[in-house]
Amino acid sequence: MASLAGRLSRAFFLRNTPTLSLNTGPKSVNATGPTLSRTAVSSTSGAILPKPIKVPFGLTRMVIVVIPFLYVGNLISKNFAALLEEHEIFVPDDDDDDD
């Protein structure tokens, strides 16, 4: 009984598991289940795709993105620190140590 359940579960797993193909040969007519393929550099017909368009990411674009987020983060942290101090949740002790 256990071997029958094992064979059935293995057959179900193999039928429903996609296989990885590299698009190197003709498609099989009797293929069961979906087939995953690597089409990063080639099309489904096997042709090599052209190079992707490279968008330049200069220093100007980086500054345009980084500076506003640094400023907003600075405002949030400053306001939250003021809130904590106002409610005396986290207030550093004023120790007058004259060592």
PDB file of N, CA and C in Angstrom:
ATOM      1  N   MET A   1       0.831  -1.192   0.000  1.00  0.00           N
ATOM      2  CA  MET A   1       0.000   0.000   0.000  1.00  0.00           C
ATOM      3  C   MET A   1       0.875   1.254   0.000  1.00  0.00           C
ATOM      4  N   ALA A   2       1.938   1.237   0.806  1.00  0.00           N
ATOM      5  CA  ALA A   2       2.811   2.403   0.886  1.00  0.00           C
ATOM      6  C   ALA A   2       3.551   2.601  -0.433  1.00  0.00           C
ATOM      7  N   SER A   3       3.949   1.495  -1.082  1.00  0.00           N
ATOM      8  CA  SER A   3       4.673   1.645  -2.340  1.00  0.00           C
ATOM      9  C   SER A   3       3.753   2.188  -3.440  1.00  0.00           C
ATOM     10  N   LEU A   4       2.483   1.809  -3.418  1.00  0.00           N
ATOM     11  CA  LEU A   4       1.529   2.330  -4.387  1.00  0.00           C
ATOM     12  C   LEU A   4       1.338   3.834  -4.186  1.00  0.00           C
ATOM     13  N   ALA A   5       1.198   4.258  -2.929  1.00  0.00           N
ATOM     14  CA  ALA A   5       1.047   5.686  -2.642  1.00  0.00           C
ATOM     15  C   ALA A   5       2.309   6.449  -3.044  1.00  0.00           C
ATOM     16  N   GLY A   6       3.461   5.863  -2.837  1.00  0.00           N
ATOM     17  CA  GLY A   6       4.718   6.503  -3.223  1.00  0.00           C
ATOM     18  C   GLY A   6       4.834   6.651  -4.723  1.00  0.00           C
ATOM     19  N   ARG A   7       4.458   5.591  -5.469  1.00  0.00           N
ATOM     20  CA  ARG A   7       4.525   5.654  -6.930  1.00  0.00           C
ATOM     21  C   ARG A   7       3.533   6.669  -7.492  1.00  0.00           C
ATOM     22  N   LEU A   8       2.323   6.720  -6.920  1.00  0.00           N
ATOM     23  CA  LEU A   8       1.329   7.673  -7.386  1.00  0.00           C
ATOM     24  C   LEU A   8       1.751   9.120  -7.099  1.00  0.00           C
ATOM     25  N   SER A   9       2.299   9.341  -5.911  1.00  0.00           N
ATOM     26  CA  SER A   9       2.718  10.703  -5.589  1.00  0.00           C
ATOM     27  C   SER A   9       3.902  11.122  -6.454  1.00  0.00           C
ATOM     28  N   ARG A  10       4.814  10.198  -6.762  1.00  0.00           N
ATOM     29  CA  ARG A  10       5.955  10.514  -7.620  1.00  0.00           C
ATOM     30  C   ARG A  10       5.484  10.798  -9.045  1.00  0.00           C
ATOM     31  N   ALA A  11       4.541  10.020  -9.536  1.00  0.00           N
ATOM     32  CA  ALA A  11       4.028  10.247 -10.881  1.00  0.00           C
ATOM     33  C   ALA A  11       3.313  11.592 -10.964  1.00  0.00           C
ATOM     34  N   PHE A  12       2.549  11.931  -9.927  1.00  0.00           N
ATOM     35  CA  PHE A  12       1.862  13.220  -9.901  1.00  0.00           C
ATOM     36  C   PHE A  12       2.874  14.358  -9.852  1.00  0.00           C
ATOM     37  N   PHE A  13       3.932  14.201  -9.046  1.00  0.00           N
ATOM     38  CA  PHE A  13       4.955  15.233  -8.918  1.00  0.00           C
ATOM     39  C   PHE A  13       5.699  15.422 -10.238  1.00  0.00           C
ATOM     40  N   LEU A  14       6.054  14.346 -10.904  1.00  0.00           N
ATOM     41  CA  LEU A  14       6.802  14.448 -12.156  1.00  0.00           C
ATOM     42  C   LEU A  14       5.952  15.044 -13.271  1.00  0.00           C
ATOM     43  N   ARG A  15       4.666  14.758 -13.270  1.00  0.00           N
ATOM     44  CA  ARG A  15       3.811  15.282 -14.323  1.00  0.00           C
ATOM     45  C   ARG A  15       3.575  16.774 -14.138  1.00  0.00           C
ATOM     46  N   ASN A  16       3.479  17.248 -12.884  1.00  0.00           N
ATOM     47  CA  ASN A  16       3.164  18.645 -12.618  1.00  0.00           C
ATOM     48  C   ASN A  16       4.398  19.517 -12.392  1.00  0.00           C
ATOM     49  N   THR A  17       5.587  18.961 -12.528  1.00  0.00           N
ATOM     50  CA  THR A  17       6.805  19.729 -12.349  1.00  0.00           C
ATOM     51  C   THR A  17       7.328  20.174 -13.709  1.00  0.00           C
ATOM     52  N   PRO A  18       7.522  21.491 -13.899  1.00  0.00           N
ATOM     53  CA  PRO A  18       8.072  21.945 -15.179  1.00  0.00           C
ATOM     54  C   PRO A  18       9.545  21.566 -15.285  1.00  0.00           C
ATOM     55  N   THR A  19       9.981  21.327 -16.491  1.00  0.00           N
ATOM     56  CA  THR A  19      11.376  20.998 -16.720  1.00  0.00           C
ATOM     57  C   THR A  19      12.065  22.173 -17.379  1.00  0.00           C
ATOM     58  N   LEU A  20      13.371  22.248 -17.233  1.00  0.00           N
ATOM     59  CA  LEU A  20      14.143  23.348 -17.782  1.00  0.00           C
ATOM     60  C   LEU A  20      14.759  22.917 -19.096  1.00  0.00           C
ATOM     61  N   SER A  21      14.438  23.642 -20.137  1.00  0.00           N
ATOM     62  CA  SER A  21      15.038  23.356 -21.430  1.00  0.00           C
ATOM     63  C   SER A  21      15.775  24.585 -21.914  1.00  0.00           C
ATOM     64  N   LEU A  22      16.756  24.401 -22.773  1.00  0.00           N
ATOM     65  CA  LEU A  22      17.576  25.501 -23.243  1.00  0.00           C
ATOM     66  C   LEU A  22      17.216  25.945 -24.649  1.00  0.00           C
ATOM     67  N   ASN A  23      16.089  25.505 -25.175  1.00  0.00           N
ATOM     68  CA  ASN A  23      15.663  25.823 -26.536  1.00  0.00           C
ATOM     69  C   ASN A  23      16.726  25.405 -27.553  1.00  0.00           C
ATOM     70  N   THR A  24      17.256  24.207 -27.417  1.00  0.00           N
ATOM     71  CA  THR A  24      18.301  23.767 -28.330  1.00  0.00           C
ATOM     72  C   THR A  24      17.770  22.854 -29.425  1.00  0.00           C
ATOM     73  N   GLY A  25      16.604  22.298 -29.243  1.00  0.00           N
ATOM     74  CA  GLY A  25      16.078  21.381 -30.237  1.00  0.00           C
ATOM     75  C   GLY A  25      14.624  21.646 -30.524  1.00  0.00           C
ATOM     76  N   PRO A  26      14.052  20.844 -31.418  1.00  0.00           N
ATOM     77  CA  PRO A  26      12.630  21.035 -31.725  1.00  0.00           C
ATOM     78  C   PRO A  26      11.763  20.649 -30.544  1.00  0.00           C
ATOM     79  N   LYS A  27      10.616  21.275 -30.462  1.00  0.00           N
ATOM     80  CA  LYS A  27       9.681  20.983 -29.383  1.00  0.00           C
ATOM     81  C   LYS A  27       9.053  19.611 -29.587  1.00  0.00           C
ATOM     82  N   SER A  28       8.891  18.906 -28.503  1.00  0.00           N
ATOM     83  CA  SER A  28       8.269  17.598 -28.551  1.00  0.00           C
ATOM     84  C   SER A  28       6.759  17.765 -28.543  1.00  0.00           C
ATOM     85  N   VAL A  29       6.091  17.017 -29.390  1.00  0.00           N
ATOM     86  CA  VAL A  29       4.636  17.105 -29.476  1.00  0.00           C
ATOM     87  C   VAL A  29       3.998  16.430 -28.279  1.00  0.00           C
ATOM     88  N   ASN A  30       4.624  15.404 -27.736  1.00  0.00           N
ATOM     89  CA  ASN A  30       4.056  14.636 -26.638  1.00  0.00           C
ATOM     90  C   ASN A  30       4.542  15.120 -25.279  1.00  0.00           C
ATOM     91  N   ALA A  31       5.010  16.340 -25.163  1.00  0.00           N
ATOM     92  CA  ALA A  31       5.504  16.853 -23.888  1.00  0.00           C
ATOM     93  C   ALA A  31       4.337  17.004 -22.918  1.00  0.00           C
ATOM     94  N   THR A  32       4.562  16.596 -21.697  1.00  0.00           N
ATOM     95  CA  THR A  32       3.531  16.715 -20.674  1.00  0.00           C
ATOM     96  C   THR A  32       3.919  17.820 -19.719  1.00  0.00           C
ATOM     97  N   GLY A  33       3.012  18.701 -19.418  1.00  0.00           N
ATOM     98  CA  GLY A  33       3.262  19.781 -18.473  1.00  0.00           C
ATOM     99  C   GLY A  33       3.943  20.965 -19.130  1.00  0.00           C
ATOM    100  N   PRO A  34       3.973  22.067 -18.411  1.00  0.00           N
ATOM    101  CA  PRO A  34       4.615  23.267 -18.949  1.00  0.00           C
ATOM    102  C   PRO A  34       6.132  23.117 -18.988  1.00  0.00           C
ATOM    103  N   THR A  35       6.773  23.847 -19.883  1.00  0.00           N
ATOM    104  CA  THR A  35       8.215  23.796 -20.028  1.00  0.00           C
ATOM    105  C   THR A  35       8.775  25.186 -19.827  1.00  0.00           C
ATOM    106  N   LEU A  36       9.667  25.329 -18.858  1.00  0.00           N
ATOM    107  CA  LEU A  36      10.334  26.602 -18.646  1.00  0.00           C
ATOM    108  C   LEU A  36      11.517  26.690 -19.601  1.00  0.00           C
ATOM    109  N   SER A  37      11.810  27.874 -20.072  1.00  0.00           N
ATOM    110  CA  SER A  37      12.957  28.030 -20.961  1.00  0.00           C
ATOM    111  C   SER A  37      13.714  29.293 -20.607  1.00  0.00           C
ATOM    112  N   ARG A  38      14.985  29.278 -20.880  1.00  0.00           N
ATOM    113  CA  ARG A  38      15.839  30.428 -20.618  1.00  0.00           C
ATOM    114  C   ARG A  38      15.881  31.274 -21.878  1.00  0.00           C
ATOM    115  N   THR A  39      15.182  32.387 -21.884  1.00  0.00           N
ATOM    116  CA  THR A  39      15.140  33.242 -23.071  1.00  0.00           C
ATOM    117  C   THR A  39      15.797  34.578 -22.796  1.00  0.00           C
ATOM    118  N   ALA A  40      16.831  34.596 -21.971  1.00  0.00           N
ATOM    119  CA  ALA A  40      17.479  35.861 -21.633  1.00  0.00           C
ATOM    120  C   ALA A  40      18.291  36.398 -22.797  1.00  0.00           C
ATOM    121  N   VAL A  41      18.929  35.537 -23.560  1.00  0.00           N
ATOM    122  CA  VAL A  41      19.768  35.999 -24.664  1.00  0.00           C
ATOM    123  C   VAL A  41      19.279  35.519 -26.014  1.00  0.00           C
ATOM    124  N   SER A  42      18.247  34.676 -26.028  1.00  0.00           N
ATOM    125  CA  SER A  42      17.748  34.196 -27.306  1.00  0.00           C
ATOM    126  C   SER A  42      16.224  34.210 -27.299  1.00  0.00           C
ATOM    127  N   SER A  43      15.657  34.319 -28.489  1.00  0.00           N
ATOM    128  CA  SER A  43      14.216  34.312 -28.603  1.00  0.00           C
ATOM    129  C   SER A  43      13.722  32.867 -28.665  1.00  0.00           C
ATOM    130  N   THR A  44      12.415  32.694 -28.765  1.00  0.00           N
ATOM    131  CA  THR A  44      11.870  31.343 -28.813  1.00  0.00           C
ATOM    132  C   THR A  44      12.274  30.605 -30.085  1.00  0.00           C
ATOM    133  N   SER A  45      12.600  31.355 -31.145  1.00  0.00           N
ATOM    134  CA  SER A  45      13.039  30.702 -32.378  1.00  0.00           C
ATOM    135  C   SER A  45      14.522  30.360 -32.355  1.00  0.00           C
ATOM    136  N   GLY A  46      15.250  30.852 -31.334  1.00  0.00           N
ATOM    137  CA  GLY A  46      16.666  30.560 -31.213  1.00  0.00           C
ATOM    138  C   GLY A  46      17.560  31.698 -31.665  1.00  0.00           C
ATOM    139  N   ALA A  47      16.980  32.793 -32.143  1.00  0.00           N
ATOM    140  CA  ALA A  47      17.772  33.926 -32.598  1.00  0.00           C
ATOM    141  C   ALA A  47      18.339  34.686 -31.407  1.00  0.00           C
ATOM    142  N   ILE A  48      19.531  35.220 -31.564  1.00  0.00           N
ATOM    143  CA  ILE A  48      20.156  35.993 -30.504  1.00  0.00           C
ATOM    144  C   ILE A  48      19.537  37.379 -30.487  1.00  0.00           C
ATOM    145  N   LEU A  49      19.100  37.803 -29.301  1.00  0.00           N
ATOM    146  CA  LEU A  49      18.460  39.109 -29.157  1.00  0.00           C
ATOM    147  C   LEU A  49      19.501  40.218 -29.170  1.00  0.00           C
ATOM    148  N   PRO A  50      19.114  41.422 -29.606  1.00  0.00           N
ATOM    149  CA  PRO A  50      20.065  42.541 -29.570  1.00  0.00           C
ATOM    150  C   PRO A  50      20.357  42.958 -28.133  1.00  0.00           C
ATOM    151  N   LYS A  51      21.441  43.716 -27.951  1.00  0.00           N
ATOM    152  CA  LYS A  51      21.797  44.186 -26.619  1.00  0.00           C
ATOM    153  C   LYS A  51      20.694  45.087 -26.079  1.00  0.00           C
ATOM    154  N   PRO A  52      20.417  45.007 -24.781  1.00  0.00           N
ATOM    155  CA  PRO A  52      19.391  45.886 -24.210  1.00  0.00           C
ATOM    156  C   PRO A  52      19.873  47.331 -24.199  1.00  0.00           C
ATOM    157  N   ILE A  53      18.925  48.252 -24.179  1.00  0.00           N
ATOM    158  CA  ILE A  53      19.251  49.666 -24.140  1.00  0.00           C
ATOM    159  C   ILE A  53      19.795  49.998 -22.758  1.00  0.00           C
ATOM    160  N   LYS A  54      20.969  50.602 -22.710  1.00  0.00           N
ATOM    161  CA  LYS A  54      21.595  50.937 -21.442  1.00  0.00           C
ATOM    162  C   LYS A  54      21.307  52.393 -21.125  1.00  0.00           C
ATOM    163  N   VAL A  55      20.628  52.626 -20.015  1.00  0.00           N
ATOM    164  CA  VAL A  55      20.295  53.978 -19.587  1.00  0.00           C
ATOM    165  C   VAL A  55      21.431  54.456 -18.685  1.00  0.00           C
ATOM    166  N   PRO A  56      22.054  55.586 -19.024  1.00  0.00           N
ATOM    167  CA  PRO A  56      23.155  56.058 -18.183  1.00  0.00           C
ATOM    168  C   PRO A  56      22.636  56.510 -16.819  1.00  0.00           C
ATOM    169  N   PHE A  57      23.330  56.114 -15.769  1.00  0.00           N
ATOM    170  CA  PHE A  57      22.950  56.478 -14.403  1.00  0.00           C
ATOM    171  C   PHE A  57      24.073  57.322 -13.841  1.00  0.00           C
ATOM    172  N   GLY A  58      23.982  58.623 -14.085  1.00  0.00           N
ATOM    173  CA  GLY A  58      25.053  59.522 -13.706  1.00  0.00           C
ATOM    174  C   GLY A  58      24.962  59.995 -12.274  1.00  0.00           C
ATOM    175  N   LEU A  59      25.957  60.767 -11.920  1.00  0.00           N
ATOM    176  CA  LEU A  59      26.036  61.329 -10.574  1.00  0.00           C
ATOM    177  C   LEU A  59      24.878  62.293 -10.321  1.00  0.00           C
ATOM    178  N   THR A  60      24.432  62.990 -11.349  1.00  0.00           N
ATOM    179  CA  THR A  60      23.319  63.939 -11.197  1.00  0.00           C
ATOM    180  C   THR A  60      22.041  63.228 -10.789  1.00  0.00           C
ATOM    181  N   ARG A  61      21.734  62.131 -11.429  1.00  0.00           N
ATOM    182  CA  ARG A  61      20.515  61.384 -11.069  1.00  0.00           C
ATOM    183  C   ARG A  61      20.599  60.840  -9.656  1.00  0.00           C
ATOM    184  N   MET A  62      21.778  60.397  -9.263  1.00  0.00           N
ATOM    185  CA  MET A  62      21.942  59.872  -7.918  1.00  0.00           C
ATOM    186  C   MET A  62      21.729  60.978  -6.884  1.00  0.00           C
ATOM    187  N   VAL A  63      22.258  62.166  -7.144  1.00  0.00           N
ATOM    188  CA  VAL A  63      22.091  63.284  -6.212  1.00  0.00           C
ATOM    189  C   VAL A  63      20.628  63.693  -6.136  1.00  0.00           C
ATOM    190  N   ILE A  64      19.934  63.693  -7.268  1.00  0.00           N
ATOM    191  CA  ILE A  64      18.514  64.068  -7.291  1.00  0.00           C
ATOM    192  C   ILE A  64      17.681  63.117  -6.436  1.00  0.00           C
ATOM    193  N   VAL A  65      18.078  61.871  -6.351  1.00  0.00           N
ATOM    194  CA  VAL A  65      17.331  60.896  -5.547  1.00  0.00           C
ATOM    195  C   VAL A  65      17.787  60.902  -4.089  1.00  0.00           C
ATOM    196  N   VAL A  66      19.071  60.973  -3.832  1.00  0.00           N
ATOM    197  CA  VAL A  66      19.592  60.799  -2.478  1.00  0.00           C
ATOM    198  C   VAL A  66      19.327  62.007  -1.594  1.00  0.00           C
ATOM    199  N   ILE A  67      19.557  63.208  -2.088  1.00  0.00           N
ATOM    200  CA  ILE A  67      19.441  64.409  -1.253  1.00  0.00           C
ATOM    201  C   ILE A  67      18.039  64.587  -0.671  1.00  0.00           C
ATOM    202  N   PRO A  68      16.949  64.492  -1.441  1.00  0.00           N
ATOM    203  CA  PRO A  68      15.619  64.647  -0.812  1.00  0.00           C
ATOM    204  C   PRO A  68      15.321  63.584   0.242  1.00  0.00           C
ATOM    205  N   PHE A  69      15.739  62.343   0.010  1.00  0.00           N
ATOM    206  CA  PHE A  69      15.464  61.303   1.001  1.00  0.00           C
ATOM    207  C   PHE A  69      16.299  61.488   2.259  1.00  0.00           C
ATOM    208  N   LEU A  70      17.520  61.966   2.129  1.00  0.00           N
ATOM    209  CA  LEU A  70      18.312  62.281   3.321  1.00  0.00           C
ATOM    210  C   LEU A  70      17.659  63.410   4.116  1.00  0.00           C
ATOM    211  N   TYR A  71      17.157  64.416   3.428  1.00  0.00           N
ATOM    212  CA  TYR A  71      16.509  65.537   4.093  1.00  0.00           C
ATOM    213  C   TYR A  71      15.236  65.090   4.812  1.00  0.00           C
ATOM    214  N   VAL A  72      14.418  64.292   4.148  1.00  0.00           N
ATOM    215  CA  VAL A  72      13.181  63.800   4.771  1.00  0.00           C
ATOM    216  C   VAL A  72      13.500  62.908   5.967  1.00  0.00           C
ATOM    217  N   GLY A  73      14.500  62.052   5.850  1.00  0.00           N
ATOM    218  CA  GLY A  73      14.903  61.208   6.975  1.00  0.00           C
ATOM    219  C   GLY A  73      15.408  62.034   8.144  1.00  0.00           C
ATOM    220  N   ASN A  74      16.126  63.117   7.840  1.00  0.00           N
ATOM    221  CA  ASN A  74      16.613  64.012   8.881  1.00  0.00           C
ATOM    222  C   ASN A  74      15.439  64.669   9.603  1.00  0.00           C
ATOM    223  N   LEU A  75      14.436  65.139   8.869  1.00  0.00           N
ATOM    224  CA  LEU A  75      13.269  65.769   9.495  1.00  0.00           C
ATOM    225  C   LEU A  75      12.494  64.787  10.371  1.00  0.00           C
ATOM    226  N   ILE A  76      12.319  63.566   9.886  1.00  0.00           N
ATOM    227  CA  ILE A  76      11.576  62.566  10.662  1.00  0.00           C
ATOM    228  C   ILE A  76      12.305  62.243  11.958  1.00  0.00           C
ATOM    229  N   SER A  77      13.614  62.029  11.891  1.00  0.00           N
ATOM    230  CA  SER A  77      14.356  61.666  13.096  1.00  0.00           C
ATOM    231  C   SER A  77      14.410  62.827  14.080  1.00  0.00           C
ATOM    232  N   LYS A  78      14.538  64.059  13.580  1.00  0.00           N
ATOM    233  CA  LYS A  78      14.572  65.216  14.476  1.00  0.00           C
ATOM    234  C   LYS A  78      13.236  65.385  15.191  1.00  0.00           C
ATOM    235  N   ASN A  79      12.129  65.249  14.461  1.00  0.00           N
ATOM    236  CA  ASN A  79      10.799  65.386  15.075  1.00  0.00           C
ATOM    237  C   ASN A  79      10.516  64.255  16.057  1.00  0.00           C
ATOM    238  N   PHE A  80      10.963  63.048  15.743  1.00  0.00           N
ATOM    239  CA  PHE A  80      10.727  61.924  16.649  1.00  0.00           C
ATOM    240  C   PHE A  80      11.558  62.070  17.916  1.00  0.00           C
ATOM    241  N   ALA A  81      12.800  62.574  17.791  1.00  0.00           N
ATOM    242  CA  ALA A  81      13.626  62.798  18.983  1.00  0.00           C
ATOM    243  C   ALA A  81      13.009  63.874  19.866  1.00  0.00           C
ATOM    244  N   ALA A  82      12.434  64.920  19.253  1.00  0.00           N
ATOM    245  CA  ALA A  82      11.768  65.966  20.033  1.00  0.00           C
ATOM    246  C   ALA A  82      10.523  65.413  20.731  1.00  0.00           C
ATOM    247  N   LEU A  83       9.790  64.540  20.066  1.00  0.00           N
ATOM    248  CA  LEU A  83       8.611  63.921  20.669  1.00  0.00           C
ATOM    249  C   LEU A  83       8.994  63.060  21.870  1.00  0.00           C
ATOM    250  N   LEU A  84      10.066  62.271  21.720  1.00  0.00           N
ATOM    251  CA  LEU A  84      10.513  61.439  22.834  1.00  0.00           C
ATOM    252  C   LEU A  84      10.960  62.284  24.019  1.00  0.00           C
ATOM    253  N   GLU A  85      11.653  63.381  23.740  1.00  0.00           N
ATOM    254  CA  GLU A  85      12.111  64.240  24.831  1.00  0.00           C
ATOM    255  C   GLU A  85      10.943  64.956  25.490  1.00  0.00           C
ATOM    256  N   GLU A  86       9.934  65.344  24.701  1.00  0.00           N
ATOM    257  CA  GLU A  86       8.769  66.035  25.254  1.00  0.00           C
ATOM    258  C   GLU A  86       7.997  65.140  26.211  1.00  0.00           C
ATOM    259  N   HIS A  87       7.862  63.879  25.883  1.00  0.00           N
ATOM    260  CA  HIS A  87       7.128  62.944  26.739  1.00  0.00           C
ATOM    261  C   HIS A  87       8.033  62.243  27.738  1.00  0.00           C
ATOM    262  N   GLU A  88       9.269  62.643  27.794  1.00  0.00           N
ATOM    263  CA  GLU A  88      10.277  62.109  28.718  1.00  0.00           C
ATOM    264  C   GLU A  88      10.376  60.596  28.645  1.00  0.00           C
ATOM    265  N   ILE A  89      10.286  60.084  27.446  1.00  0.00           N
ATOM    266  CA  ILE A  89      10.449  58.640  27.237  1.00  0.00           C
ATOM    267  C   ILE A  89      11.929  58.287  27.231  1.00  0.00           C
ATOM    268  N   PHE A  90      12.707  59.064  26.541  1.00  0.00           N
ATOM    269  CA  PHE A  90      14.145  58.843  26.518  1.00  0.00           C
ATOM    270  C   PHE A  90      14.814  60.189  26.660  1.00  0.00           C
ATOM    271  N   VAL A  91      15.223  60.487  27.887  1.00  0.00           N
ATOM    272  CA  VAL A  91      15.916  61.735  28.155  1.00  0.00           C
ATOM    273  C   VAL A  91      17.226  61.384  28.835  1.00  0.00           C
ATOM    274  N   PRO A  92      18.332  61.819  28.249  1.00  0.00           N
ATOM    275  CA  PRO A  92      19.611  61.530  28.893  1.00  0.00           C
ATOM    276  C   PRO A  92      19.738  62.250  30.235  1.00  0.00           C
ATOM    277  N   ASP A  93      20.356  61.597  31.197  1.00  0.00           N
ATOM    278  CA  ASP A  93      20.551  62.188  32.506  1.00  0.00           C
ATOM    279  C   ASP A  93      21.618  63.266  32.425  1.00  0.00           C
ATOM    280  N   ASP A  94      21.395  64.317  33.154  1.00  0.00           N
ATOM    281  CA  ASP A  94      22.379  65.403  33.229  1.00  0.00           C
ATOM    282  C   ASP A  94      23.282  65.152  34.429  1.00  0.00           C
ATOM    283  N   ASP A  95      24.334  64.440  34.201  1.00  0.00           N
ATOM    284  CA  ASP A  95      25.300  64.157  35.272  1.00  0.00           C
ATOM    285  C   ASP A  95      26.376  65.233  35.250  1.00  0.00           C
ATOM    286  N   ASP A  96      26.517  65.895  36.373  1.00  0.00           N
ATOM    287  CA  ASP A  96      27.567  66.900  36.495  1.00  0.00           C
ATOM    288  C   ASP A  96      28.753  66.265  37.194  1.00  0.00           C
ATOM    289  N   ASP A  97      29.513  65.571  36.445  1.00  0.00           N
ATOM    290  CA  ASP A  97      30.697  64.922  36.995  1.00  0.00           C
ATOM    291  C   ASP A  97      31.891  65.856  36.816  1.00  0.00           C
ATOM    292  N   ASP A  98      32.433  66.290  37.908  1.00  0.00           N
ATOM    293  CA  ASP A  98      33.600  67.161  37.854  1.00  0.00           C
ATOM    294  C   ASP A  98      34.830  66.348  38.227  1.00  0.00           C
ATOM    295  N   ASP A  99      35.175  65.415  37.431  1.00  0.00           N
ATOM    296  CA  ASP A  99      36.332  64.571  37.737  1.00  0.00           C
ATOM    297  C   ASP A  99      37.600  65.215  37.317  1.00  0.00           C
TER     298      ASP A  99
END
